[in-house]
N, C-alpha and C. Protein backbone atom coordinates (compact mmCIF):
# COMPACT_ATOMS: atom_id res chain seq x y z
N ASP A 1 6.34 33.07 24.17
CA ASP A 1 6.97 33.59 25.35
C ASP A 1 8.49 33.56 25.18
N ILE A 2 9.13 34.64 25.57
CA ILE A 2 10.59 34.73 25.50
C ILE A 2 11.09 34.80 26.92
N GLY A 3 11.65 33.69 27.42
CA GLY A 3 12.13 33.65 28.79
C GLY A 3 11.00 33.92 29.75
N ASP A 4 11.15 34.95 30.58
CA ASP A 4 10.12 35.33 31.54
C ASP A 4 9.15 36.37 30.98
N VAL A 5 9.35 36.79 29.72
CA VAL A 5 8.52 37.83 29.13
C VAL A 5 7.33 37.18 28.43
N ASP A 6 6.13 37.62 28.80
CA ASP A 6 4.92 37.11 28.18
C ASP A 6 4.51 38.07 27.07
N ILE A 7 4.57 37.62 25.84
CA ILE A 7 4.22 38.47 24.70
C ILE A 7 2.70 38.49 24.56
N PRO A 8 2.10 39.67 24.50
CA PRO A 8 0.63 39.76 24.35
C PRO A 8 0.16 39.07 23.07
N SER A 9 -1.04 38.49 23.13
CA SER A 9 -1.57 37.74 21.99
C SER A 9 -1.75 38.61 20.75
N TRP A 10 -2.05 39.88 20.93
CA TRP A 10 -2.24 40.73 19.76
C TRP A 10 -0.93 40.97 19.02
N ILE A 11 0.18 41.03 19.76
CA ILE A 11 1.49 41.17 19.09
C ILE A 11 1.81 39.88 18.34
N LYS A 12 1.59 38.73 18.97
CA LYS A 12 1.79 37.44 18.29
C LYS A 12 0.92 37.37 17.03
N GLY A 13 -0.32 37.87 17.16
CA GLY A 13 -1.24 37.85 16.02
C GLY A 13 -0.73 38.64 14.83
N TRP A 14 -0.27 39.86 15.09
CA TRP A 14 0.26 40.69 14.00
C TRP A 14 1.56 40.11 13.44
N LEU A 15 2.37 39.52 14.31
CA LEU A 15 3.58 38.85 13.81
C LEU A 15 3.19 37.68 12.89
N ASN A 16 2.17 36.91 13.30
CA ASN A 16 1.71 35.80 12.45
C ASN A 16 1.24 36.31 11.09
N ILE A 17 0.46 37.37 11.08
CA ILE A 17 -0.01 37.94 9.81
C ILE A 17 1.18 38.36 8.95
N GLY A 18 2.18 39.00 9.57
CA GLY A 18 3.38 39.40 8.83
C GLY A 18 4.14 38.22 8.26
N VAL A 19 4.29 37.18 9.05
CA VAL A 19 4.99 35.98 8.58
C VAL A 19 4.22 35.31 7.45
N ILE A 20 2.91 35.23 7.58
CA ILE A 20 2.09 34.63 6.53
C ILE A 20 2.24 35.41 5.23
N GLY A 21 2.16 36.74 5.33
CA GLY A 21 2.31 37.58 4.14
C GLY A 21 3.69 37.45 3.51
N ALA A 22 4.72 37.48 4.33
CA ALA A 22 6.09 37.35 3.82
C ALA A 22 6.31 35.98 3.18
N THR A 23 5.78 34.94 3.78
CA THR A 23 5.91 33.59 3.22
C THR A 23 5.21 33.50 1.88
N PHE A 24 4.00 34.05 1.80
CA PHE A 24 3.25 34.05 0.55
C PHE A 24 4.04 34.75 -0.55
N ILE A 25 4.56 35.93 -0.24
CA ILE A 25 5.34 36.69 -1.24
C ILE A 25 6.59 35.93 -1.64
N ALA A 26 7.32 35.39 -0.66
CA ALA A 26 8.57 34.67 -0.96
C ALA A 26 8.31 33.43 -1.83
N LEU A 27 7.30 32.63 -1.49
CA LEU A 27 7.01 31.44 -2.29
C LEU A 27 6.54 31.80 -3.69
N THR A 28 5.74 32.86 -3.79
CA THR A 28 5.26 33.30 -5.10
C THR A 28 6.43 33.77 -5.96
N LEU A 29 7.33 34.55 -5.39
CA LEU A 29 8.50 35.02 -6.14
C LEU A 29 9.41 33.85 -6.52
N PHE A 30 9.60 32.92 -5.59
CA PHE A 30 10.42 31.75 -5.89
C PHE A 30 9.81 30.95 -7.04
N PHE A 31 8.50 30.73 -6.99
CA PHE A 31 7.81 30.01 -8.06
C PHE A 31 7.97 30.75 -9.38
N ALA A 32 7.74 32.07 -9.37
CA ALA A 32 7.82 32.87 -10.59
C ALA A 32 9.24 32.90 -11.17
N SER A 33 10.25 32.73 -10.33
CA SER A 33 11.63 32.79 -10.80
C SER A 33 12.10 31.48 -11.46
N ARG A 34 11.32 30.43 -11.36
CA ARG A 34 11.68 29.15 -11.98
C ARG A 34 11.43 29.22 -13.48
N ASP A 35 12.11 28.35 -14.23
CA ASP A 35 11.88 28.31 -15.67
C ASP A 35 10.50 27.69 -15.95
N LYS A 36 10.02 27.87 -17.17
CA LYS A 36 8.67 27.48 -17.53
C LYS A 36 8.40 26.00 -17.29
N SER A 37 9.32 25.13 -17.63
CA SER A 37 9.08 23.69 -17.46
C SER A 37 8.99 23.32 -15.97
N THR A 38 9.78 23.99 -15.15
CA THR A 38 9.71 23.73 -13.71
C THR A 38 8.39 24.24 -13.15
N ARG A 39 7.96 25.43 -13.57
CA ARG A 39 6.66 25.96 -13.12
C ARG A 39 5.53 25.03 -13.54
N ASP A 40 5.60 24.52 -14.76
CA ASP A 40 4.56 23.59 -15.23
C ASP A 40 4.56 22.31 -14.41
N ALA A 41 5.75 21.81 -14.05
CA ALA A 41 5.83 20.59 -13.24
C ALA A 41 5.27 20.83 -11.84
N ILE A 42 5.50 22.02 -11.30
CA ILE A 42 5.02 22.35 -9.96
C ILE A 42 3.51 22.58 -9.97
N TRP A 43 3.03 23.37 -10.90
CA TRP A 43 1.61 23.75 -10.90
C TRP A 43 0.72 22.69 -11.52
N GLY A 44 1.25 21.96 -12.48
CA GLY A 44 0.44 20.96 -13.18
C GLY A 44 0.76 21.02 -14.66
N SER A 45 -0.22 20.74 -15.48
CA SER A 45 0.02 20.73 -16.92
C SER A 45 0.28 22.15 -17.43
N PRO A 46 0.91 22.27 -18.61
CA PRO A 46 1.31 23.59 -19.13
C PRO A 46 0.14 24.57 -19.21
N ARG A 47 0.45 25.82 -18.91
CA ARG A 47 -0.56 26.88 -18.88
C ARG A 47 -1.25 27.06 -20.24
N GLU A 48 -0.49 26.89 -21.34
CA GLU A 48 -1.06 27.10 -22.67
C GLU A 48 -2.18 26.12 -22.98
N THR A 49 -2.12 24.94 -22.38
CA THR A 49 -3.14 23.91 -22.67
C THR A 49 -4.31 23.98 -21.71
N ARG A 50 -4.29 24.90 -20.77
CA ARG A 50 -5.34 24.98 -19.74
C ARG A 50 -6.10 26.30 -19.87
N SER A 51 -7.39 26.18 -19.93
CA SER A 51 -8.23 27.38 -19.95
C SER A 51 -8.62 27.74 -18.53
N VAL A 52 -9.18 28.92 -18.36
CA VAL A 52 -9.69 29.33 -17.05
C VAL A 52 -10.78 28.35 -16.63
N GLY A 53 -11.60 27.93 -17.60
CA GLY A 53 -12.66 26.96 -17.32
C GLY A 53 -12.11 25.64 -16.79
N GLN A 54 -10.99 25.18 -17.36
CA GLN A 54 -10.36 23.93 -16.88
C GLN A 54 -9.85 24.10 -15.46
N ASN A 55 -9.26 25.26 -15.17
CA ASN A 55 -8.79 25.51 -13.80
C ASN A 55 -9.95 25.53 -12.82
N ILE A 56 -11.06 26.11 -13.23
CA ILE A 56 -12.25 26.13 -12.36
C ILE A 56 -12.77 24.71 -12.17
N ARG A 57 -12.81 23.91 -13.25
CA ARG A 57 -13.24 22.50 -13.13
C ARG A 57 -12.32 21.72 -12.20
N ASP A 58 -11.02 21.97 -12.30
CA ASP A 58 -10.07 21.29 -11.41
C ASP A 58 -10.33 21.68 -9.96
N PHE A 59 -10.56 22.97 -9.73
CA PHE A 59 -10.86 23.45 -8.38
C PHE A 59 -12.14 22.79 -7.87
N LEU A 60 -13.17 22.75 -8.69
CA LEU A 60 -14.44 22.12 -8.30
C LEU A 60 -14.28 20.62 -8.07
N THR A 61 -13.45 19.97 -8.88
CA THR A 61 -13.16 18.55 -8.66
C THR A 61 -12.51 18.36 -7.29
N GLY A 62 -11.59 19.25 -6.96
CA GLY A 62 -10.96 19.21 -5.63
C GLY A 62 -11.99 19.40 -4.53
N CYS A 63 -12.94 20.31 -4.74
CA CYS A 63 -13.99 20.55 -3.74
C CYS A 63 -14.86 19.30 -3.57
N ILE A 64 -15.23 18.68 -4.67
CA ILE A 64 -16.04 17.46 -4.60
C ILE A 64 -15.27 16.34 -3.91
N THR A 65 -13.99 16.22 -4.23
CA THR A 65 -13.15 15.22 -3.57
C THR A 65 -13.10 15.47 -2.08
N TRP A 66 -12.99 16.73 -1.68
CA TRP A 66 -12.97 17.09 -0.27
C TRP A 66 -14.28 16.69 0.40
N VAL A 67 -15.41 16.95 -0.27
CA VAL A 67 -16.71 16.60 0.30
C VAL A 67 -16.83 15.09 0.49
N ILE A 68 -16.25 14.33 -0.42
CA ILE A 68 -16.28 12.87 -0.30
C ILE A 68 -15.28 12.38 0.74
N ALA A 69 -14.07 12.93 0.73
CA ALA A 69 -13.00 12.45 1.61
C ALA A 69 -13.16 12.92 3.05
N TYR A 70 -13.63 14.13 3.25
CA TYR A 70 -13.63 14.71 4.59
C TYR A 70 -14.45 13.91 5.60
N PRO A 71 -15.64 13.41 5.26
CA PRO A 71 -16.36 12.58 6.24
C PRO A 71 -15.57 11.34 6.67
N TRP A 72 -14.85 10.74 5.75
CA TRP A 72 -14.02 9.58 6.11
C TRP A 72 -12.91 9.98 7.06
N ILE A 73 -12.31 11.12 6.80
CA ILE A 73 -11.25 11.63 7.66
C ILE A 73 -11.80 11.92 9.06
N ILE A 74 -12.98 12.50 9.12
CA ILE A 74 -13.62 12.80 10.41
C ILE A 74 -13.92 11.50 11.16
N VAL A 75 -14.46 10.52 10.45
CA VAL A 75 -14.79 9.23 11.09
C VAL A 75 -13.53 8.59 11.66
N ILE A 76 -12.48 8.55 10.88
CA ILE A 76 -11.23 7.95 11.35
C ILE A 76 -10.65 8.76 12.51
N GLY A 77 -10.70 10.09 12.42
CA GLY A 77 -10.23 10.94 13.51
C GLY A 77 -11.03 10.71 14.79
N GLN A 78 -12.33 10.59 14.66
CA GLN A 78 -13.17 10.36 15.84
C GLN A 78 -12.93 8.97 16.42
N LEU A 79 -12.70 8.00 15.56
CA LEU A 79 -12.37 6.66 16.04
C LEU A 79 -11.06 6.69 16.84
N LEU A 80 -10.07 7.39 16.32
CA LEU A 80 -8.81 7.54 17.05
C LEU A 80 -9.02 8.30 18.36
N ALA A 81 -9.87 9.34 18.34
CA ALA A 81 -10.17 10.09 19.56
C ALA A 81 -10.82 9.19 20.60
N PHE A 82 -11.73 8.34 20.14
CA PHE A 82 -12.39 7.40 21.05
C PHE A 82 -11.38 6.43 21.66
N LEU A 83 -10.49 5.89 20.82
CA LEU A 83 -9.48 4.96 21.33
C LEU A 83 -8.52 5.65 22.29
N LEU A 84 -8.16 6.89 21.99
CA LEU A 84 -7.30 7.65 22.90
C LEU A 84 -8.00 7.91 24.22
N ALA A 85 -9.31 8.20 24.16
CA ALA A 85 -10.08 8.46 25.38
C ALA A 85 -10.14 7.24 26.29
N LEU A 86 -10.01 6.06 25.70
CA LEU A 86 -10.01 4.83 26.50
C LEU A 86 -8.75 4.69 27.33
N VAL A 87 -7.65 5.24 26.82
CA VAL A 87 -6.37 5.07 27.51
C VAL A 87 -5.84 6.36 28.13
N TYR A 88 -6.39 7.50 27.72
CA TYR A 88 -5.90 8.78 28.22
C TYR A 88 -7.08 9.62 28.69
N THR A 89 -7.04 10.05 29.93
CA THR A 89 -8.16 10.81 30.48
C THR A 89 -7.78 12.24 30.87
N GLY A 90 -6.63 12.70 30.45
CA GLY A 90 -6.18 14.05 30.81
C GLY A 90 -6.93 15.13 30.04
N ASP A 91 -6.52 16.38 30.26
CA ASP A 91 -7.12 17.51 29.55
C ASP A 91 -6.86 17.40 28.06
N ARG A 92 -7.83 17.87 27.29
CA ARG A 92 -7.70 17.89 25.83
C ARG A 92 -7.51 19.33 25.39
N PRO A 93 -6.27 19.73 25.13
CA PRO A 93 -6.02 21.14 24.78
C PRO A 93 -6.56 21.49 23.40
N ASP A 94 -6.88 22.77 23.21
CA ASP A 94 -7.28 23.25 21.89
C ASP A 94 -6.09 23.15 20.94
N GLN A 95 -6.39 23.02 19.66
CA GLN A 95 -5.33 23.07 18.66
C GLN A 95 -4.71 24.47 18.72
N ALA A 96 -3.46 24.58 18.33
CA ALA A 96 -2.74 25.85 18.43
C ALA A 96 -3.46 26.97 17.67
N ALA A 97 -3.95 26.68 16.47
CA ALA A 97 -4.65 27.70 15.68
C ALA A 97 -5.95 28.12 16.35
N VAL A 98 -6.68 27.17 16.91
CA VAL A 98 -7.93 27.47 17.61
C VAL A 98 -7.65 28.33 18.84
N LYS A 99 -6.62 27.96 19.60
CA LYS A 99 -6.25 28.73 20.78
C LYS A 99 -5.89 30.16 20.40
N HIS A 100 -5.11 30.29 19.32
CA HIS A 100 -4.71 31.63 18.87
C HIS A 100 -5.94 32.46 18.49
N LEU A 101 -6.87 31.87 17.74
CA LEU A 101 -8.09 32.60 17.35
C LEU A 101 -8.90 33.01 18.57
N LYS A 102 -8.99 32.13 19.57
CA LYS A 102 -9.70 32.49 20.80
C LYS A 102 -9.01 33.65 21.52
N ASP A 103 -7.68 33.64 21.50
CA ASP A 103 -6.92 34.69 22.19
C ASP A 103 -7.10 36.07 21.57
N ILE A 104 -7.38 36.12 20.26
CA ILE A 104 -7.51 37.42 19.59
C ILE A 104 -8.97 37.75 19.24
N LEU A 105 -9.89 37.02 19.79
CA LEU A 105 -11.31 37.23 19.51
C LEU A 105 -11.76 38.66 19.83
N ASP A 106 -11.13 39.28 20.80
CA ASP A 106 -11.52 40.64 21.19
C ASP A 106 -10.86 41.73 20.33
N LYS A 107 -10.13 41.33 19.31
CA LYS A 107 -9.48 42.26 18.37
C LYS A 107 -10.08 42.00 16.99
N PRO A 108 -11.19 42.66 16.63
CA PRO A 108 -11.94 42.30 15.42
C PRO A 108 -11.14 42.37 14.12
N VAL A 109 -10.31 43.38 13.94
CA VAL A 109 -9.53 43.49 12.70
C VAL A 109 -8.52 42.36 12.62
N LEU A 110 -7.78 42.15 13.68
CA LEU A 110 -6.78 41.08 13.72
C LEU A 110 -7.44 39.71 13.57
N PHE A 111 -8.54 39.51 14.25
CA PHE A 111 -9.27 38.24 14.15
C PHE A 111 -9.72 38.00 12.72
N SER A 112 -10.29 39.02 12.08
CA SER A 112 -10.78 38.88 10.70
C SER A 112 -9.65 38.56 9.74
N LEU A 113 -8.55 39.29 9.84
CA LEU A 113 -7.40 39.03 8.96
C LEU A 113 -6.84 37.63 9.18
N THR A 114 -6.76 37.22 10.44
CA THR A 114 -6.25 35.89 10.75
C THR A 114 -7.18 34.81 10.20
N ALA A 115 -8.48 35.00 10.38
CA ALA A 115 -9.45 34.03 9.88
C ALA A 115 -9.37 33.91 8.36
N ILE A 116 -9.25 35.05 7.67
CA ILE A 116 -9.11 35.04 6.21
C ILE A 116 -7.84 34.31 5.81
N ALA A 117 -6.75 34.59 6.51
CA ALA A 117 -5.48 33.93 6.21
C ALA A 117 -5.57 32.42 6.42
N VAL A 118 -6.24 32.01 7.50
CA VAL A 118 -6.33 30.58 7.83
C VAL A 118 -7.14 29.82 6.80
N VAL A 119 -8.17 30.43 6.23
CA VAL A 119 -9.01 29.70 5.28
C VAL A 119 -8.65 29.92 3.82
N SER A 120 -7.76 30.88 3.52
CA SER A 120 -7.44 31.11 2.11
C SER A 120 -5.94 31.15 1.82
N ILE A 121 -5.21 32.00 2.51
CA ILE A 121 -3.80 32.19 2.17
C ILE A 121 -2.95 31.00 2.63
N ILE A 122 -3.15 30.55 3.86
CA ILE A 122 -2.35 29.44 4.38
C ILE A 122 -2.55 28.16 3.57
N PRO A 123 -3.80 27.78 3.23
CA PRO A 123 -3.94 26.58 2.39
C PRO A 123 -3.23 26.72 1.03
N PHE A 124 -3.29 27.92 0.45
CA PHE A 124 -2.59 28.14 -0.82
C PHE A 124 -1.08 27.95 -0.64
N ILE A 125 -0.54 28.54 0.43
CA ILE A 125 0.89 28.41 0.72
C ILE A 125 1.25 26.93 0.93
N GLU A 126 0.44 26.24 1.73
CA GLU A 126 0.73 24.82 2.01
C GLU A 126 0.67 23.98 0.75
N GLU A 127 -0.32 24.22 -0.10
CA GLU A 127 -0.42 23.43 -1.33
C GLU A 127 0.74 23.70 -2.27
N LEU A 128 1.12 24.96 -2.42
CA LEU A 128 2.27 25.28 -3.27
C LEU A 128 3.53 24.64 -2.72
N LEU A 129 3.73 24.73 -1.42
CA LEU A 129 4.92 24.19 -0.78
C LEU A 129 4.95 22.67 -0.81
N PHE A 130 3.87 22.03 -0.36
CA PHE A 130 3.89 20.57 -0.20
C PHE A 130 3.53 19.83 -1.48
N ARG A 131 2.37 20.09 -2.07
CA ARG A 131 1.99 19.38 -3.28
C ARG A 131 2.72 19.92 -4.50
N GLY A 132 2.94 21.24 -4.54
CA GLY A 132 3.62 21.84 -5.69
C GLY A 132 5.10 21.54 -5.72
N PHE A 133 5.84 22.07 -4.74
CA PHE A 133 7.29 21.91 -4.74
C PHE A 133 7.72 20.51 -4.32
N LEU A 134 7.32 20.09 -3.12
CA LEU A 134 7.84 18.84 -2.55
C LEU A 134 7.35 17.60 -3.30
N GLN A 135 6.04 17.47 -3.46
CA GLN A 135 5.52 16.27 -4.11
C GLN A 135 6.00 16.16 -5.56
N SER A 136 6.05 17.30 -6.26
CA SER A 136 6.54 17.27 -7.65
C SER A 136 8.00 16.83 -7.71
N TRP A 137 8.80 17.33 -6.78
CA TRP A 137 10.21 16.96 -6.75
C TRP A 137 10.37 15.48 -6.39
N LEU A 138 9.66 15.02 -5.36
CA LEU A 138 9.76 13.61 -4.96
C LEU A 138 9.28 12.68 -6.07
N LYS A 139 8.29 13.10 -6.82
CA LYS A 139 7.75 12.27 -7.90
C LYS A 139 8.81 11.98 -8.97
N THR A 140 9.70 12.94 -9.21
CA THR A 140 10.73 12.72 -10.23
C THR A 140 11.73 11.65 -9.80
N THR A 141 11.88 11.45 -8.49
CA THR A 141 12.84 10.47 -7.98
C THR A 141 12.20 9.15 -7.59
N PHE A 142 11.04 9.20 -6.92
CA PHE A 142 10.47 8.00 -6.33
C PHE A 142 9.17 7.52 -6.97
N GLY A 143 8.61 8.28 -7.88
CA GLY A 143 7.33 7.91 -8.47
C GLY A 143 6.17 8.53 -7.70
N ARG A 144 4.99 8.44 -8.28
CA ARG A 144 3.82 9.15 -7.77
C ARG A 144 3.37 8.67 -6.39
N THR A 145 3.23 7.36 -6.19
CA THR A 145 2.69 6.85 -4.93
C THR A 145 3.59 7.18 -3.75
N ILE A 146 4.87 6.93 -3.88
CA ILE A 146 5.82 7.23 -2.80
C ILE A 146 5.85 8.73 -2.55
N ALA A 147 5.81 9.52 -3.61
CA ALA A 147 5.82 10.99 -3.46
C ALA A 147 4.62 11.46 -2.65
N ILE A 148 3.45 10.91 -2.93
CA ILE A 148 2.24 11.30 -2.20
C ILE A 148 2.37 10.89 -0.73
N LEU A 149 2.82 9.68 -0.47
CA LEU A 149 2.93 9.19 0.91
C LEU A 149 3.97 9.97 1.72
N VAL A 150 5.14 10.19 1.14
CA VAL A 150 6.20 10.92 1.86
C VAL A 150 5.79 12.37 2.08
N THR A 151 5.22 13.00 1.05
CA THR A 151 4.74 14.37 1.20
C THR A 151 3.68 14.45 2.30
N SER A 152 2.79 13.47 2.33
CA SER A 152 1.73 13.47 3.34
C SER A 152 2.29 13.29 4.74
N LEU A 153 3.30 12.44 4.87
CA LEU A 153 3.94 12.24 6.17
C LEU A 153 4.63 13.54 6.63
N ILE A 154 5.32 14.20 5.73
CA ILE A 154 5.99 15.45 6.08
C ILE A 154 4.96 16.54 6.38
N PHE A 155 3.91 16.62 5.57
CA PHE A 155 2.84 17.59 5.79
C PHE A 155 2.21 17.42 7.17
N ALA A 156 1.88 16.19 7.52
CA ALA A 156 1.26 15.92 8.82
C ALA A 156 2.24 16.24 9.95
N SER A 157 3.50 15.85 9.79
CA SER A 157 4.50 16.10 10.82
C SER A 157 4.75 17.60 11.00
N PHE A 158 4.62 18.35 9.93
CA PHE A 158 4.80 19.80 9.96
C PHE A 158 3.81 20.45 10.92
N HIS A 159 2.66 19.82 11.13
CA HIS A 159 1.61 20.36 11.99
C HIS A 159 1.71 19.86 13.43
N PHE A 160 2.76 19.13 13.75
CA PHE A 160 2.96 18.65 15.12
C PHE A 160 3.14 19.84 16.05
N SER A 161 2.52 19.76 17.23
CA SER A 161 2.64 20.83 18.22
C SER A 161 2.85 20.20 19.59
N ILE A 162 3.90 20.59 20.26
CA ILE A 162 4.20 20.04 21.59
C ILE A 162 3.03 20.30 22.54
N SER A 163 2.38 21.46 22.41
CA SER A 163 1.28 21.79 23.31
C SER A 163 0.07 20.87 23.13
N GLN A 164 0.00 20.16 22.02
CA GLN A 164 -1.11 19.25 21.77
C GLN A 164 -1.00 17.94 22.54
N GLY A 165 0.20 17.60 22.95
CA GLY A 165 0.39 16.35 23.69
C GLY A 165 -0.09 15.15 22.91
N ILE A 166 -0.83 14.28 23.57
CA ILE A 166 -1.31 13.05 22.95
C ILE A 166 -2.32 13.31 21.84
N GLU A 167 -2.91 14.49 21.83
CA GLU A 167 -3.87 14.87 20.78
C GLU A 167 -3.20 14.87 19.40
N ASN A 168 -1.87 14.98 19.36
CA ASN A 168 -1.17 14.96 18.09
C ASN A 168 -1.48 13.70 17.30
N ILE A 169 -1.68 12.58 17.98
CA ILE A 169 -1.93 11.31 17.29
C ILE A 169 -3.17 11.44 16.41
N GLU A 170 -4.24 11.92 16.98
CA GLU A 170 -5.50 12.09 16.23
C GLU A 170 -5.33 13.12 15.12
N PHE A 171 -4.78 14.28 15.45
CA PHE A 171 -4.66 15.39 14.52
C PHE A 171 -3.74 15.04 13.35
N ILE A 172 -2.57 14.49 13.65
CA ILE A 172 -1.61 14.18 12.59
C ILE A 172 -2.10 13.03 11.72
N SER A 173 -2.77 12.05 12.31
CA SER A 173 -3.32 10.95 11.51
C SER A 173 -4.36 11.48 10.53
N SER A 174 -5.23 12.36 10.99
CA SER A 174 -6.26 12.94 10.12
C SER A 174 -5.62 13.78 9.01
N LEU A 175 -4.61 14.57 9.37
CA LEU A 175 -3.93 15.38 8.36
C LEU A 175 -3.18 14.52 7.34
N PHE A 176 -2.63 13.39 7.78
CA PHE A 176 -1.96 12.49 6.85
C PHE A 176 -2.95 11.98 5.81
N LEU A 177 -4.11 11.55 6.26
CA LEU A 177 -5.14 11.06 5.33
C LEU A 177 -5.60 12.17 4.39
N LEU A 178 -5.87 13.34 4.94
CA LEU A 178 -6.28 14.47 4.10
C LEU A 178 -5.22 14.77 3.06
N SER A 179 -3.97 14.76 3.47
CA SER A 179 -2.88 15.05 2.55
C SER A 179 -2.77 14.00 1.45
N CYS A 180 -3.03 12.75 1.78
CA CYS A 180 -3.03 11.70 0.75
C CYS A 180 -4.10 11.98 -0.30
N PHE A 181 -5.29 12.37 0.15
CA PHE A 181 -6.36 12.72 -0.80
C PHE A 181 -5.96 13.92 -1.65
N LEU A 182 -5.37 14.93 -1.02
CA LEU A 182 -4.96 16.13 -1.76
C LEU A 182 -3.88 15.78 -2.79
N GLY A 183 -2.93 14.94 -2.39
CA GLY A 183 -1.88 14.53 -3.31
C GLY A 183 -2.44 13.75 -4.48
N PHE A 184 -3.40 12.87 -4.19
CA PHE A 184 -4.02 12.07 -5.24
C PHE A 184 -4.77 12.96 -6.23
N VAL A 185 -5.58 13.88 -5.72
CA VAL A 185 -6.37 14.72 -6.62
C VAL A 185 -5.48 15.67 -7.43
N LYS A 186 -4.37 16.10 -6.84
CA LYS A 186 -3.43 16.94 -7.60
C LYS A 186 -2.84 16.14 -8.76
N GLU A 187 -2.46 14.90 -8.50
CA GLU A 187 -1.89 14.05 -9.56
C GLU A 187 -2.94 13.65 -10.59
N ARG A 188 -4.13 13.34 -10.12
CA ARG A 188 -5.19 12.91 -11.04
C ARG A 188 -5.56 14.02 -12.01
N GLN A 189 -5.72 15.23 -11.50
CA GLN A 189 -6.12 16.36 -12.33
C GLN A 189 -4.92 17.04 -13.00
N ARG A 190 -3.72 16.70 -12.55
CA ARG A 190 -2.49 17.35 -13.02
C ARG A 190 -2.60 18.87 -12.88
N SER A 191 -3.11 19.28 -11.72
CA SER A 191 -3.28 20.70 -11.47
C SER A 191 -3.27 20.97 -9.98
N LEU A 192 -2.51 21.96 -9.58
CA LEU A 192 -2.47 22.36 -8.17
C LEU A 192 -3.80 22.99 -7.75
N TRP A 193 -4.57 23.51 -8.71
CA TRP A 193 -5.88 24.09 -8.38
C TRP A 193 -6.78 23.03 -7.74
N ALA A 194 -6.63 21.80 -8.14
CA ALA A 194 -7.49 20.74 -7.59
C ALA A 194 -7.22 20.54 -6.09
N SER A 195 -5.97 20.58 -5.69
CA SER A 195 -5.67 20.38 -4.27
C SER A 195 -5.86 21.66 -3.46
N VAL A 196 -5.69 22.82 -4.08
CA VAL A 196 -5.95 24.08 -3.37
C VAL A 196 -7.40 24.13 -2.97
């Protein structure tokens, strides 16, 4: 909303798609413009030593890690939700992304593009930005453990939404844990494909 002007959800939706696309292109071009050693540090081990099969194994290792880690994240998130419910009885708003998807449900093309972006393009952008650029840079200064923790804190804070109110505690805590797992698997496999 701009002042007293209410922007229709479909306009917001197309703007979101445009921003996602522009961000993807900008980060990809920025990554491609780096020298080879910097690209290798961001993405993982050197491309010459990695086969397509190794990249697929790294991706599958990341998937298996997610299957193992995600139930723990859900349990901890639900425990936090239960504790919050003991002290807070107000309305529980939808997450911003969920609200946006509900708002554009009656626009099939926009909804489909947004859903595709949410499950494929945005995670790729986030992994390149947080685990690729930020965690790799922090690791050179502070070491692996601190880099994972600081990156995870920034990643979780990046998802803070004023409209979420007290729900931010549960959401950000869960994202912090997820980000720690993603950072660990990226470092363990030495490949961004594992965290993607």
